[in-house]
Protein backbone atom coordinates (compact mmCIF):
# COMPACT_ATOMS: atom_id res chain seq x y z
CA MET A 1 105.35 60.53 23.43
CA LYS A 2 102.49 62.63 22.06
CA TYR A 3 101.88 62.45 18.29
CA TYR A 4 99.67 64.98 16.49
CA ILE A 5 98.73 63.50 13.10
CA ILE A 6 96.95 65.28 10.24
CA ALA A 7 95.46 63.58 7.17
CA GLY A 8 93.03 65.18 4.75
CA GLU A 9 91.45 62.44 2.63
CA ALA A 10 90.49 58.76 2.54
CA SER A 11 93.86 57.38 1.43
CA GLY A 12 95.69 59.47 4.04
CA ASP A 13 93.29 58.21 6.71
CA LEU A 14 94.09 54.62 5.72
CA HIS A 15 97.87 55.08 5.63
CA ALA A 16 97.91 57.08 8.87
CA SER A 17 95.84 54.44 10.68
CA HIS A 18 98.50 51.81 9.93
CA LEU A 19 101.25 54.22 10.99
CA ILE A 20 99.47 54.73 14.32
CA THR A 21 99.34 50.97 14.87
CA ALA A 22 103.05 50.68 14.04
CA LEU A 23 103.94 53.60 16.35
CA LYS A 24 102.08 51.90 19.20
CA ALA A 25 104.31 48.86 18.76
CA GLU A 26 107.45 51.02 18.91
CA ASP A 27 106.23 53.39 21.63
CA PRO A 28 103.76 51.70 24.03
CA GLU A 29 103.17 54.99 25.89
CA ALA A 30 102.21 56.85 22.71
CA GLN A 31 99.24 59.22 22.65
CA PHE A 32 97.57 60.30 19.40
CA ARG A 33 95.47 63.31 18.51
CA GLY A 34 94.70 65.20 15.31
CA PHE A 35 92.69 65.67 12.13
CA GLY A 36 91.76 62.60 10.12
CA GLY A 37 89.07 60.00 9.58
CA ASP A 38 87.28 56.99 10.97
CA LEU A 39 90.19 54.58 10.47
CA MET A 40 92.61 56.79 12.39
CA GLN A 41 90.08 57.10 15.18
CA GLU A 42 89.63 53.32 15.30
CA ALA A 43 93.42 52.93 15.50
CA GLY A 44 93.55 55.10 18.63
CA LEU A 45 93.57 58.75 17.50
CA THR A 46 91.54 61.32 19.42
CA LEU A 47 89.78 62.91 16.45
CA VAL A 48 89.58 66.70 16.66
CA ARG A 49 88.00 67.16 13.23
CA HIS A 50 87.02 64.80 10.42
CA TYR A 51 88.70 65.27 7.04
CA ARG A 52 85.34 65.23 5.25
CA ASP A 53 84.72 68.75 6.60
CA LEU A 54 87.79 70.09 4.79
CA ALA A 55 88.23 67.86 1.70
CA TYR A 56 87.76 70.37 -1.11
CA MET A 57 89.70 70.35 -4.37
CA GLY A 58 90.00 72.79 -7.26
CA VAL A 59 90.27 76.57 -7.12
CA VAL A 60 86.50 77.19 -7.25
CA GLN A 61 85.67 74.71 -4.48
CA VAL A 62 88.45 76.01 -2.25
CA VAL A 63 87.30 79.62 -2.72
CA LEU A 64 83.66 78.74 -2.06
CA HIS A 65 84.57 76.95 1.16
CA ALA A 66 87.43 79.21 2.21
CA ARG A 67 85.75 80.19 5.49
CA THR A 68 85.31 76.54 6.49
CA ILE A 69 88.90 75.70 5.61
CA LEU A 70 90.27 78.71 7.49
CA LYS A 71 88.18 77.87 10.56
CA GLY A 72 89.55 74.35 10.44
CA MET A 73 93.10 75.63 10.22
CA SER A 74 92.58 77.99 13.15
CA GLN A 75 91.09 75.17 15.19
CA CYS A 76 94.11 72.99 14.38
CA LYS A 77 96.60 75.67 15.40
CA GLU A 78 94.82 76.38 18.67
CA ASP A 79 94.66 72.69 19.47
CA LEU A 80 98.37 72.23 18.78
CA VAL A 81 99.29 75.04 21.15
CA THR A 82 97.00 73.65 23.85
CA TRP A 83 98.03 69.98 23.56
CA ARG A 84 101.78 70.57 23.03
CA PRO A 85 102.71 67.38 21.15
CA ASP A 86 106.21 65.92 20.97
CA VAL A 87 105.95 65.75 17.18
CA VAL A 88 103.55 66.70 14.40
CA VAL A 89 103.20 64.04 11.70
CA LEU A 90 101.75 65.36 8.45
CA VAL A 91 100.27 62.94 5.91
CA ASP A 92 100.20 64.23 2.30
CA TYR A 93 97.48 67.00 1.97
CA PRO A 94 100.07 69.75 1.30
CA GLY A 95 97.76 72.74 0.83
CA PHE A 96 96.74 72.49 4.47
CA ASN A 97 99.67 70.66 6.00
CA LEU A 98 102.48 72.92 4.78
CA LYS A 99 100.75 75.88 6.43
CA ILE A 100 100.56 73.93 9.67
CA ALA A 101 104.24 73.00 9.31
CA ARG A 102 105.16 76.67 9.04
CA PHE A 103 103.06 77.54 12.09
CA VAL A 104 104.69 74.79 14.17
CA HIS A 105 108.19 75.74 12.99
CA GLU A 106 107.76 79.47 13.61
CA ARG A 107 106.63 78.83 17.17
CA ALA A 108 109.18 76.06 17.76
CA LEU A 109 106.45 73.87 19.19
CA CYS A 110 108.04 70.55 18.26
CA PRO A 111 109.66 68.70 15.32
CA VAL A 112 107.65 68.31 12.10
CA PHE A 113 107.73 64.93 10.34
CA TYR A 114 106.13 64.53 6.91
CA TYR A 115 104.90 61.01 6.10
CA ILE A 116 103.99 60.61 2.41
CA ALA A 117 105.90 63.48 0.87
CA PRO A 118 104.03 66.19 -1.08
CA LYS A 119 104.16 65.50 -4.82
CA LEU A 120 106.40 68.45 -5.68
CA TRP A 121 107.77 66.52 -8.66
CA ALA A 122 104.32 66.89 -10.27
CA TRP A 123 103.82 70.61 -9.76
CA LYS A 124 104.48 73.46 -7.34
CA GLU A 125 108.13 72.48 -7.16
CA TRP A 126 108.81 75.83 -5.52
CA ARG A 127 107.34 74.37 -2.34
CA ILE A 128 110.71 72.72 -1.74
CA LYS A 129 111.75 75.92 0.05
CA ASP A 130 108.86 75.40 2.48
CA ILE A 131 109.94 71.81 3.05
CA ARG A 132 113.53 72.89 3.74
CA ARG A 133 112.44 75.58 6.18
CA ASP A 134 109.61 73.88 8.06
CA VAL A 135 109.98 70.08 7.85
CA ASP A 136 112.54 68.28 10.01
CA GLU A 137 112.25 64.79 8.47
CA LEU A 138 110.61 63.66 5.22
CA PHE A 139 109.41 60.08 4.71
CA SER A 140 108.86 59.02 1.11
CA ILE A 141 106.70 56.15 -0.16
CA LEU A 142 107.61 56.38 -3.86
CA PRO A 143 111.02 55.11 -5.04
CA PHE A 144 111.55 57.76 -7.73
CA GLU A 145 111.23 60.55 -5.14
CA THR A 146 114.72 59.84 -3.84
CA GLU A 147 116.28 61.18 -7.01
CA PHE A 148 113.98 64.21 -7.00
CA PHE A 149 114.58 65.31 -3.41
CA GLU A 150 118.15 64.12 -2.84
CA GLY A 151 119.54 64.18 -6.38
CA LYS A 152 117.93 67.35 -7.68
CA HIS A 153 117.34 69.37 -4.51
CA HIS A 154 119.95 67.90 -2.13
CA TYR A 155 117.32 67.44 0.57
CA PRO A 156 117.76 64.13 2.44
CA ILE A 157 114.71 61.89 2.76
CA HIS A 158 113.83 58.42 4.07
CA TYR A 159 112.36 56.00 1.52
CA VAL A 160 110.41 53.53 3.65
CA GLY A 161 108.57 51.52 1.01
CA ASN A 162 104.95 51.93 -0.04
CA PRO A 163 102.13 51.41 2.48
CA THR A 164 99.70 50.42 -0.26
CA MET A 165 101.87 47.35 -0.82
CA ASP A 166 101.43 46.53 2.88
CA GLU A 167 97.68 47.08 2.81
CA VAL A 168 97.06 44.92 -0.25
CA THR A 169 99.45 42.20 0.99
CA ALA A 170 97.71 42.13 4.38
CA TYR A 171 94.30 41.94 2.75
CA ARG A 172 95.34 39.04 0.55
CA ALA A 173 96.83 37.18 3.51
CA ALA A 174 93.57 37.61 5.45
CA HIS A 175 91.44 36.60 2.45
CA PRO A 176 93.08 33.57 0.85
CA THR A 177 89.80 32.90 -0.94
CA THR A 178 87.79 35.56 -2.73
CA ALA A 179 85.58 37.57 -0.40
CA SER A 180 81.91 37.62 -1.33
CA LEU A 181 80.06 40.81 -2.10
CA PRO A 182 77.02 41.77 0.00
CA ALA A 183 73.92 39.62 -0.45
CA SER A 184 71.95 42.76 -1.29
CA PHE A 185 73.82 42.89 -4.58
CA SER A 186 72.68 39.46 -5.75
CA GLY A 187 70.53 39.08 -8.85
CA VAL A 188 66.94 40.32 -9.03
CA ASP A 189 65.64 36.81 -8.29
CA GLY A 190 67.85 36.50 -5.21
CA ALA A 191 70.39 34.29 -6.95
CA ALA A 192 74.07 35.16 -7.07
CA ASP A 193 75.08 37.37 -9.98
CA GLU A 194 77.86 35.45 -11.73
CA ARG A 195 78.74 38.08 -14.31
CA PRO A 196 82.38 39.24 -14.22
CA ILE A 197 82.84 42.69 -12.69
CA ILE A 198 84.01 46.02 -14.09
CA ALA A 199 84.86 48.29 -11.15
CA LEU A 200 84.38 52.06 -11.29
CA LEU A 201 86.71 53.92 -8.89
CA CYS A 202 85.78 57.55 -9.45
CA GLY A 203 87.60 59.26 -6.56
CA SER A 204 86.87 60.17 -2.96
CA ARG A 205 85.97 63.84 -3.44
CA LYS A 206 82.70 65.29 -4.69
CA GLN A 207 84.30 67.20 -7.54
CA GLU A 208 86.22 64.16 -8.79
CA ILE A 209 83.00 62.16 -8.80
CA ALA A 210 81.06 64.90 -10.60
CA ASP A 211 83.75 65.19 -13.26
CA ASN A 212 84.46 61.51 -13.86
CA LEU A 213 81.57 59.25 -12.90
CA PRO A 214 79.13 60.36 -15.65
CA ARG A 215 81.76 59.68 -18.33
CA MET A 216 82.74 56.37 -16.78
CA LEU A 217 79.09 55.31 -16.81
CA GLN A 218 78.64 56.30 -20.44
CA ALA A 219 81.78 54.40 -21.42
CA SER A 220 80.90 51.21 -19.54
CA GLN A 221 77.13 50.93 -20.16
CA PRO A 222 77.50 48.98 -23.44
CA TYR A 223 79.05 46.17 -21.35
CA ALA A 224 76.28 46.07 -18.73
CA ALA A 225 74.65 42.98 -20.23
CA ARG A 226 77.83 40.88 -20.03
CA TYR A 227 79.53 42.53 -17.04
CA ARG A 228 78.39 43.71 -13.66
CA LEU A 229 79.25 47.39 -13.18
CA ILE A 230 79.99 48.34 -9.57
CA ILE A 231 80.99 51.73 -8.15
CA ALA A 232 83.39 51.70 -5.21
CA GLY A 233 81.63 54.05 -2.80
CA ALA A 234 83.99 56.35 -0.88
CA PRO A 235 83.44 56.42 2.90
CA SER A 236 82.97 60.20 3.04
CA ILE A 237 80.42 60.36 0.19
CA THR A 238 76.70 59.91 0.88
CA PRO A 239 74.49 57.81 -1.46
CA ASP A 240 72.59 60.84 -2.78
CA ILE A 241 75.80 62.19 -4.34
CA TYR A 242 76.19 59.06 -6.47
CA GLN A 243 72.49 58.87 -7.29
CA LYS A 244 72.66 62.27 -9.00
CA TYR A 245 74.79 60.67 -11.71
CA VAL A 246 73.65 57.04 -11.68
CA GLY A 247 70.08 57.73 -12.81
CA SER A 248 68.82 54.82 -14.92
CA HIS A 249 72.28 53.34 -15.55
CA SER A 250 72.65 49.65 -14.78
CA VAL A 251 75.20 49.88 -11.96
CA ASP A 252 75.54 48.95 -8.28
CA ILE A 253 77.37 50.75 -5.46
CA ILE A 254 79.19 49.17 -2.54
CA TYR A 255 80.69 51.18 0.32
CA ASN A 256 83.90 50.66 2.28
CA ARG A 257 84.74 47.44 0.47
CA THR A 258 87.05 48.58 -2.31
CA TYR A 259 89.53 45.76 -1.72
CA ASP A 260 86.74 43.17 -1.78
CA LEU A 261 85.62 44.68 -5.07
CA LEU A 262 89.08 44.78 -6.65
CA SER A 263 89.81 41.22 -5.56
CA GLN A 264 86.91 40.09 -7.78
CA SER A 265 87.13 42.54 -10.68
CA THR A 266 88.05 41.72 -14.26
CA ALA A 267 88.85 45.31 -15.24
CA ALA A 268 88.48 48.82 -13.83
CA LEU A 269 88.07 52.47 -14.73
CA VAL A 270 90.05 54.44 -12.15
CA THR A 271 90.48 58.11 -11.32
CA SER A 272 94.18 58.89 -10.89
CA GLY A 273 95.56 58.62 -7.36
CA THR A 274 96.34 55.90 -4.87
CA ALA A 275 93.51 53.85 -6.38
CA THR A 276 95.57 53.27 -9.54
CA LEU A 277 98.29 51.68 -7.43
CA GLU A 278 95.81 49.57 -5.47
CA THR A 279 94.19 48.36 -8.68
CA ALA A 280 97.58 47.38 -10.11
CA LEU A 281 98.59 45.50 -6.95
CA PHE A 282 95.37 43.49 -7.22
CA ARG A 283 96.42 42.74 -10.82
CA VAL A 284 93.26 44.27 -12.30
CA PRO A 285 93.80 45.83 -15.74
CA GLN A 286 92.67 49.46 -15.74
CA VAL A 287 92.08 52.64 -17.68
CA VAL A 288 93.07 55.81 -15.81
CA CYS A 289 90.41 58.50 -16.20
CA TYR A 290 90.87 62.08 -15.05
CA PHE A 291 88.46 64.57 -16.55
CA MET A 292 88.56 68.20 -15.45
CA LYS A 293 86.25 71.11 -16.23
CA PHE A 294 87.50 73.62 -18.77
CA ARG A 295 89.38 70.66 -20.20
CA GLN A 296 91.24 72.46 -22.99
CA LEU A 297 92.59 75.00 -20.50
CA ALA A 298 93.44 72.23 -18.08
CA SER A 299 95.26 70.29 -20.77
CA PHE A 300 97.29 73.37 -21.71
CA ALA A 301 98.09 74.01 -18.04
CA ARG A 302 99.18 70.41 -17.66
CA ARG A 303 101.68 70.71 -20.52
CA LEU A 304 102.89 74.07 -19.24
CA ILE A 305 103.13 73.36 -15.51
CA LEU A 306 103.48 69.64 -14.87
CA LYS A 307 107.03 68.40 -15.02
CA ILE A 308 106.20 64.70 -15.27
CA PRO A 309 105.32 62.50 -18.24
CA TYR A 310 102.46 60.65 -16.46
CA VAL A 311 99.71 61.28 -13.91
CA SER A 312 99.18 57.75 -12.58
CA LEU A 313 101.38 56.27 -9.89
CA VAL A 314 101.55 53.00 -11.83
CA ASN A 315 103.31 54.64 -14.78
CA LEU A 316 105.45 56.90 -12.60
CA VAL A 317 106.78 54.00 -10.54
CA ALA A 318 107.31 51.80 -13.60
CA GLY A 319 108.98 54.66 -15.49
CA ARG A 320 106.96 53.93 -18.62
CA GLU A 321 103.36 53.73 -19.81
CA VAL A 322 101.89 50.56 -18.36
CA VAL A 323 98.28 51.79 -18.13
CA PRO A 324 96.53 54.19 -20.54
CA GLU A 325 95.87 57.68 -19.15
CA LEU A 326 92.93 59.75 -20.35
CA VAL A 327 93.43 63.24 -18.94
CA ALA A 328 91.45 66.45 -19.54
CA GLU A 329 90.07 66.56 -23.10
CA GLN A 330 91.29 63.00 -23.76
CA MET A 331 88.78 61.66 -21.24
CA THR A 332 85.77 61.10 -23.49
CA PRO A 333 83.34 58.18 -23.18
CA ALA A 334 84.35 56.95 -26.63
CA ALA A 335 88.09 56.92 -25.85
CA CYS A 336 87.47 55.32 -22.47
CA ARG A 337 85.31 52.61 -24.05
CA LYS A 338 87.97 51.85 -26.65
CA HIS A 339 90.68 51.36 -24.01
CA LEU A 340 88.33 49.37 -21.79
CA GLU A 341 87.63 46.97 -24.64
CA SER A 342 91.37 46.42 -25.12
CA ILE A 343 91.94 45.27 -21.49
CA LEU A 344 88.94 42.95 -21.13
CA PRO A 345 89.64 39.20 -21.47
CA GLY A 346 90.90 38.53 -24.99
CA GLY A 347 91.77 42.20 -25.52
CA PRO A 348 95.13 43.03 -27.12
CA ALA A 349 96.47 45.13 -24.20
CA ARG A 350 95.45 42.96 -21.24
CA GLU A 351 98.45 40.63 -20.86
CA GLU A 352 101.02 43.37 -21.54
CA GLN A 353 99.48 45.50 -18.80
CA LEU A 354 99.63 42.59 -16.34
CA ARG A 355 103.33 42.10 -17.13
CA GLY A 356 103.88 45.80 -16.48
CA TYR A 357 102.27 45.41 -13.05
CA GLU A 358 104.91 42.86 -12.10
CA GLU A 359 107.67 45.29 -13.08
CA MET A 360 106.07 48.09 -11.05
CA SER A 361 105.67 45.84 -8.01
CA ARG A 362 109.37 44.93 -8.01
CA LYS A 363 110.31 48.61 -8.01
CA LEU A 364 108.08 49.35 -5.02
CA GLY A 365 109.93 46.79 -2.92
CA GLU A 366 108.82 44.58 -0.04
CA PRO A 367 106.01 45.33 2.46
CA GLY A 368 106.81 46.96 5.81
CA ALA A 369 106.48 50.71 5.17
CA PRO A 370 104.51 51.72 8.31
CA GLN A 371 106.77 49.67 10.57
CA LYS A 372 109.94 51.07 9.03
CA ALA A 373 108.60 54.64 9.22
CA ALA A 374 107.48 54.22 12.83
CA ARG A 375 110.84 52.76 13.88
CA LEU A 376 112.70 55.66 12.26
CA MET A 377 110.39 58.25 13.77
CA VAL A 378 110.84 56.95 17.31
CA GLN A 379 114.62 56.69 16.88
CA LEU A 380 114.83 60.25 15.52
CA LEU A 381 112.65 61.62 18.33
CA GLU A 382 114.74 59.88 20.96
CA LYS A 383 117.88 61.51 19.49
CA LYS A 384 116.23 64.94 19.45
């Protein structure tokens, strides 16, 4: 069968790449084409367009790059009509993907499967009508989504487990001993730098980095003598973007080795998203940092619009506050530094946070999400 897969950011590229591998095992004749990233291409996808060309967030950025986004959408639609897939598999990225779902549905091109459901429980709940109309099967990776979609909206979904659990479990199995960081990040005299590490995970989009990295650096600099500060470089971000904010700060950057970094870190400052879940599964205490411009307005909008008590996946899965969240005007260097101090070794919040991670992990369930999703997809397509 022919699978057209669309992912719009780094985490989607990672999850979709594992889904492609799992689909190959279930359907040896499978062909893959679509929008995504390097990992999807390595897994066997014919890449039509890279997600880095379309990964804009925030109203201003979307407006400024509207022509690029619209050209990308037109290209996607034309390619779908030409290639005629047996199914379209959408991976998160709802602003783009729900429009594609409507296009495919209106033209009855093929079934639409959504892997990693849009986070309607956070905001834009009205999009449920688009899901009902345009999506044939919805695959969830968060356990609390079952109650939202099936309990509240009576829309059946498939909870398949969380692929981040699979990815971290697989990494740990392949690295029974701690992986070493690149030699280029050794001490100035060429010797290994033995200081414990504070990881800075500031997002995979330019705007997230611009909003959060400067404040993370200000908050963590007082610890630079005792701890090694390392930024997890996102694959789609060039070094010059980080250098704009790093300046004279004592900090290193490593690219495409986030799991290596987390496996060695003592604590982390993390921008909300999949990274919070990854950090928790590596059992690294963290502070969730999500600054936004016009922060007072953003904070008001959050209280008015968001229908959830937390922004981090760790707290949402656990159903309680396991990790501190500094959102909008709360995300100041001083507040971040205070919470960071509390989760470093000997800090009063460190052990309680680690116990909360165990609770969260149990709720996620066992590994096997891509395999379960792939098996279901092939079975459903064979029935159709």
